[in-house]
Amino acid sequence: MSTPPEVPTRGPARPGPYVVSGILILIGIALPLIVPIYARETPALFGLPFFYWYQMLWVLIDAGLLWICYALITREDRRRRDAVRIDPTNPAHARHGKTEREK
């Protein structure tokens, strides 16, 4: 008994979006950990010392960075899925079984 050939679900990955996402996440983690950058009281914002509002600002910055990473990875994943989509007009895809319309 033979097993049917496996059909890939994604095409080859490009490293660019993953590298950029990793760098953005690294920035969001590493910079708030460098305490000497913000270990002071001035300038105050609405009565809050710099030490506190700088950390709260990083919460918003990190949310933005993670949104950018999500958009990059989602776009790359969509591109990879589209690269292997079954094309019923292509005879090479016929050997893998059913076409999209038959599923």
Protein backbone atom coordinates (compact mmCIF):
# COMPACT_ATOMS: atom_id res chain seq x y z
CA MET A 1 0.00 0.00 0.00
CA SER A 2 1.48 3.31 -1.01
CA THR A 3 0.82 6.65 0.57
CA PRO A 4 -0.29 9.57 -1.58
CA PRO A 5 2.37 12.21 -2.26
CA GLU A 6 2.34 15.10 0.17
CA VAL A 7 1.28 18.44 -1.23
CA PRO A 8 3.14 21.39 0.32
CA THR A 9 0.96 23.96 2.06
CA ARG A 10 3.44 26.83 1.80
CA GLY A 11 6.06 27.97 -0.65
CA PRO A 12 9.65 28.87 0.23
CA ALA A 13 10.14 31.54 2.85
CA ARG A 14 11.98 34.79 2.34
CA PRO A 15 14.07 35.66 5.40
CA GLY A 16 13.52 39.43 5.19
CA PRO A 17 10.18 39.75 7.00
CA TYR A 18 11.28 37.36 9.74
CA VAL A 19 14.58 39.19 10.31
CA VAL A 20 12.86 42.59 10.43
CA SER A 21 10.24 41.25 12.85
CA GLY A 22 12.93 39.78 15.08
CA ILE A 23 14.83 43.06 15.18
CA LEU A 24 11.68 45.04 16.02
CA ILE A 25 10.81 42.64 18.83
CA LEU A 26 14.40 42.79 20.10
CA ILE A 27 14.21 46.60 20.19
CA GLY A 28 10.92 46.45 22.11
CA ILE A 29 12.45 44.12 24.71
CA ALA A 30 16.01 45.41 25.02
CA LEU A 31 15.59 49.20 25.19
CA PRO A 32 13.26 49.23 28.22
CA LEU A 33 15.75 46.96 30.01
CA ILE A 34 18.51 49.58 29.80
CA VAL A 35 17.53 51.35 33.02
CA PRO A 36 20.28 54.05 33.01
CA ILE A 37 18.56 55.59 29.97
CA TYR A 38 15.53 56.58 32.04
CA ALA A 39 16.62 56.44 35.69
CA ARG A 40 15.86 60.08 36.46
CA GLU A 41 12.96 62.27 37.54
CA THR A 42 13.05 65.02 34.94
CA PRO A 43 11.36 65.88 32.68
CA ALA A 44 8.04 65.32 34.41
CA LEU A 45 4.85 64.85 32.40
CA PHE A 46 1.58 65.81 34.15
CA GLY A 47 3.37 65.42 37.48
CA LEU A 48 4.71 61.96 36.67
CA PRO A 49 8.49 61.53 36.85
CA PHE A 50 10.28 60.57 33.65
CA PHE A 51 11.03 57.12 35.09
CA TYR A 52 7.32 56.21 35.06
CA TRP A 53 5.98 57.86 31.93
CA TYR A 54 8.90 56.60 29.83
CA GLN A 55 7.99 53.00 30.75
CA MET A 56 4.31 53.63 30.00
CA LEU A 57 5.27 55.11 26.65
CA TRP A 58 7.09 51.86 25.83
CA VAL A 59 3.85 49.93 26.33
CA LEU A 60 2.35 51.91 23.43
CA ILE A 61 5.53 51.67 21.36
CA ASP A 62 5.67 47.89 21.89
CA ALA A 63 2.05 47.53 20.82
CA GLY A 64 2.87 49.39 17.61
CA LEU A 65 6.00 47.32 16.98
CA LEU A 66 4.10 44.07 17.51
CA TRP A 67 1.36 45.22 15.12
CA ILE A 68 4.01 45.90 12.46
CA CYS A 69 5.54 42.44 13.05
CA TYR A 70 2.12 40.80 12.79
CA ALA A 71 1.41 42.59 9.51
CA LEU A 72 4.80 41.57 8.06
CA ILE A 73 4.47 37.91 9.04
CA THR A 74 0.83 37.69 7.93
CA ARG A 75 1.69 39.16 4.53
CA GLU A 76 4.61 36.73 4.14
CA ASP A 77 2.45 33.77 5.13
CA ARG A 78 -0.24 34.81 2.63
CA ARG A 79 2.42 35.08 -0.10
CA ARG A 80 3.77 31.63 0.76
CA ARG A 81 0.30 30.07 0.70
CA ASP A 82 -0.51 31.70 -2.63
CA ALA A 83 2.73 30.32 -4.07
CA VAL A 84 1.47 26.73 -3.78
CA ARG A 85 -2.22 27.22 -4.46
CA ILE A 86 -3.54 24.53 -6.75
CA ASP A 87 -4.10 25.81 -10.27
CA PRO A 88 -6.59 23.56 -12.15
CA THR A 89 -5.22 24.71 -15.51
CA ASN A 90 -1.69 23.58 -14.62
CA PRO A 91 -1.15 19.89 -15.51
CA ALA A 92 1.55 19.58 -12.82
CA HIS A 93 -1.09 20.07 -10.12
CA ALA A 94 -3.31 17.32 -11.51
CA ARG A 95 -1.00 14.61 -10.11
CA HIS A 96 -1.69 15.75 -6.53
CA GLY A 97 -5.32 14.69 -6.58
CA LYS A 98 -8.34 16.92 -6.31
CA THR A 99 -8.39 20.50 -7.44
CA GLU A 100 -9.74 23.34 -5.30
CA ARG A 101 -13.15 23.14 -6.98
CA GLU A 102 -13.52 19.41 -6.26
CA LYS A 103 -12.80 19.73 -2.52
